[in-house]
């Protein structure tokens, strides 16, 4: 159980995105016998991924790009490579 003080501190530090999975991550760290540094790496990486995803979604929304391929108009008269568009939408550049 996460203390009220810890929750308030995390919110103040703008780390509240970690809160939904913190109990699960604590349990994982205990099961895997992670060091404090390894545990911090895990939760901060979670927060970094959450922020990057949020930023990407915001940029896509501003650009008018829908991340859902179901709404992509493949019948447009513009010539394009369908497989390339799908890979680009999935961010698979290899």
C-alpha atoms as a PDB file:
ATOM      1  CA  UNK A   1       0.000   0.000   0.000  1.00  0.00           C
ATOM      2  CA  UNK A   2       1.385   3.350  -1.045  1.00  0.00           C
ATOM      3  CA  UNK A   3       1.272   6.031   1.635  1.00  0.00           C
ATOM      4  CA  UNK A   4      -0.712   9.221   1.210  1.00  0.00           C
ATOM      5  CA  UNK A   5       2.500  11.227   1.626  1.00  0.00           C
ATOM      6  CA  UNK A   6       4.251   9.326  -1.161  1.00  0.00           C
ATOM      7  CA  UNK A   7       1.272   9.825  -3.475  1.00  0.00           C
ATOM      8  CA  UNK A   8       1.219  13.556  -2.732  1.00  0.00           C
ATOM      9  CA  UNK A   9       4.977  13.841  -3.317  1.00  0.00           C
ATOM     10  CA  UNK A  10       4.723  12.001  -6.620  1.00  0.00           C
ATOM     11  CA  UNK A  11       1.883  14.242  -7.751  1.00  0.00           C
ATOM     12  CA  UNK A  12       3.881  17.335  -6.739  1.00  0.00           C
ATOM     13  CA  UNK A  13       6.883  16.044  -8.682  1.00  0.00           C
ATOM     14  CA  UNK A  14       4.640  15.260 -11.654  1.00  0.00           C
ATOM     15  CA  UNK A  15       5.325  11.546 -11.398  1.00  0.00           C
ATOM     16  CA  UNK A  16       1.703  10.539 -10.894  1.00  0.00           C
ATOM     17  CA  UNK A  17       1.831   8.413 -14.050  1.00  0.00           C
ATOM     18  CA  UNK A  18       3.824   5.867 -12.043  1.00  0.00           C
ATOM     19  CA  UNK A  19       1.085   5.490  -9.429  1.00  0.00           C
ATOM     20  CA  UNK A  20      -1.265   3.106 -11.288  1.00  0.00           C
ATOM     21  CA  UNK A  21       1.453   0.452 -11.620  1.00  0.00           C
ATOM     22  CA  UNK A  22       3.575   1.199  -8.553  1.00  0.00           C
ATOM     23  CA  UNK A  23       2.172  -1.593  -6.358  1.00  0.00           C
ATOM     24  CA  UNK A  24       2.724  -4.067  -9.184  1.00  0.00           C
ATOM     25  CA  UNK A  25       6.272  -2.792  -9.744  1.00  0.00           C
ATOM     26  CA  UNK A  26       7.091  -3.010  -6.030  1.00  0.00           C
ATOM     27  CA  UNK A  27       5.904  -6.624  -5.993  1.00  0.00           C
ATOM     28  CA  UNK A  28       7.947  -7.349  -9.138  1.00  0.00           C
ATOM     29  CA  UNK A  29      11.064  -5.792  -7.577  1.00  0.00           C
ATOM     30  CA  UNK A  30      10.655  -7.858  -4.431  1.00  0.00           C
ATOM     31  CA  UNK A  31      10.085 -11.091  -6.402  1.00  0.00           C
ATOM     32  CA  UNK A  32      13.127 -10.448  -8.608  1.00  0.00           C
ATOM     33  CA  UNK A  33      15.197  -9.125  -5.692  1.00  0.00           C
ATOM     34  CA  UNK A  34      16.012  -5.932  -7.582  1.00  0.00           C
ATOM     35  CA  UNK A  35      18.378  -3.420  -6.061  1.00  0.00           C
ATOM     36  CA  UNK A  36      17.049   0.026  -5.262  1.00  0.00           C
ATOM     37  CA  UNK A  37      18.776   1.381  -8.361  1.00  0.00           C
ATOM     38  CA  UNK A  38      17.251  -1.322 -10.565  1.00  0.00           C
ATOM     39  CA  UNK A  39      13.809  -0.637  -9.092  1.00  0.00           C
ATOM     40  CA  UNK A  40      14.160   3.089  -9.753  1.00  0.00           C
ATOM     41  CA  UNK A  41      15.245   2.360 -13.316  1.00  0.00           C
ATOM     42  CA  UNK A  42      12.099   0.292 -13.854  1.00  0.00           C
ATOM     43  CA  UNK A  43       9.645   2.868 -12.524  1.00  0.00           C
ATOM     44  CA  UNK A  44      11.363   5.825 -14.168  1.00  0.00           C
ATOM     45  CA  UNK A  45      11.480   3.976 -17.484  1.00  0.00           C
ATOM     46  CA  UNK A  46       7.728   3.344 -17.125  1.00  0.00           C
ATOM     47  CA  UNK A  47       7.201   7.058 -16.596  1.00  0.00           C
ATOM     48  CA  UNK A  48       9.438   7.947 -19.550  1.00  0.00           C
ATOM     49  CA  UNK A  49       7.496   5.585 -21.835  1.00  0.00           C
ATOM     50  CA  UNK A  50       4.189   7.038 -20.637  1.00  0.00           C
ATOM     51  CA  UNK A  51       5.351  10.592 -21.311  1.00  0.00           C
ATOM     52  CA  UNK A  52       6.742   9.710 -24.741  1.00  0.00           C
ATOM     53  CA  UNK A  53       3.485   8.000 -25.716  1.00  0.00           C
ATOM     54  CA  UNK A  54       1.485  10.995 -24.486  1.00  0.00           C
ATOM     55  CA  UNK A  55       3.705  13.381 -26.460  1.00  0.00           C
ATOM     56  CA  UNK A  56       3.459  11.248 -29.607  1.00  0.00           C
ATOM     57  CA  UNK A  57      -0.334  11.131 -29.323  1.00  0.00           C
ATOM     58  CA  UNK A  58      -0.452  14.896 -28.863  1.00  0.00           C
ATOM     59  CA  UNK A  59       1.781  15.497 -31.896  1.00  0.00           C
ATOM     60  CA  UNK A  60      -0.263  13.104 -34.011  1.00  0.00           C
ATOM     61  CA  UNK A  61      -3.479  14.810 -32.956  1.00  0.00           C
ATOM     62  CA  UNK A  62      -2.049  18.255 -33.802  1.00  0.00           C
ATOM     63  CA  UNK A  63      -0.893  16.935 -37.181  1.00  0.00           C
ATOM     64  CA  UNK A  64      -4.319  15.482 -37.871  1.00  0.00           C
ATOM     65  CA  UNK A  65      -2.942  11.953 -38.056  1.00  0.00           C
ATOM     66  CA  UNK A  66      -5.188   9.180 -36.838  1.00  0.00           C
ATOM     67  CA  UNK A  67      -3.251   6.272 -35.321  1.00  0.00           C
ATOM     68  CA  UNK A  68      -6.064   3.898 -36.255  1.00  0.00           C
ATOM     69  CA  UNK A  69      -5.418   2.261 -39.636  1.00  0.00           C
ATOM     70  CA  UNK A  70      -9.087   1.395 -39.843  1.00  0.00           C
ATOM     71  CA  UNK A  71      -9.886   5.013 -40.640  1.00  0.00           C
ATOM     72  CA  UNK A  72      -7.106   5.424 -43.215  1.00  0.00           C
ATOM     73  CA  UNK A  73      -8.486   6.037 -46.713  1.00  0.00           C
ATOM     74  CA  UNK A  74      -6.750   3.433 -48.873  1.00  0.00           C
ATOM     75  CA  UNK A  75      -9.010   4.360 -51.801  1.00  0.00           C
ATOM     76  CA  UNK A  76      -7.481   7.788 -52.292  1.00  0.00           C
ATOM     77  CA  UNK A  77      -6.419   8.647 -55.856  1.00  0.00           C
ATOM     78  CA  UNK A  78      -2.907   9.385 -54.637  1.00  0.00           C
ATOM     79  CA  UNK A  79      -0.462   6.597 -55.463  1.00  0.00           C
ATOM     80  CA  UNK A  80       1.214   4.970 -52.467  1.00  0.00           C
ATOM     81  CA  UNK A  81       2.652   1.693 -51.292  1.00  0.00           C
ATOM     82  CA  UNK A  82       0.023   0.124 -48.993  1.00  0.00           C
ATOM     83  CA  UNK A  83       2.560  -2.022 -47.100  1.00  0.00           C
ATOM     84  CA  UNK A  84       4.850   0.965 -46.594  1.00  0.00           C
ATOM     85  CA  UNK A  85       1.987   3.055 -45.199  1.00  0.00           C
ATOM     86  CA  UNK A  86       1.096   0.256 -42.779  1.00  0.00           C
ATOM     87  CA  UNK A  87       4.710  -0.058 -41.626  1.00  0.00           C
ATOM     88  CA  UNK A  88       4.975   3.705 -41.195  1.00  0.00           C
ATOM     89  CA  UNK A  89       1.777   3.815 -39.152  1.00  0.00           C
ATOM     90  CA  UNK A  90       3.174   1.058 -36.915  1.00  0.00           C
ATOM     91  CA  UNK A  91       6.535   2.893 -36.693  1.00  0.00           C
ATOM     92  CA  UNK A  92       8.332  -0.109 -38.220  1.00  0.00           C
ATOM     93  CA  UNK A  93      11.142   1.449 -40.197  1.00  0.00           C
ATOM     94  CA  UNK A  94      13.330  -1.609 -40.634  1.00  0.00           C
END
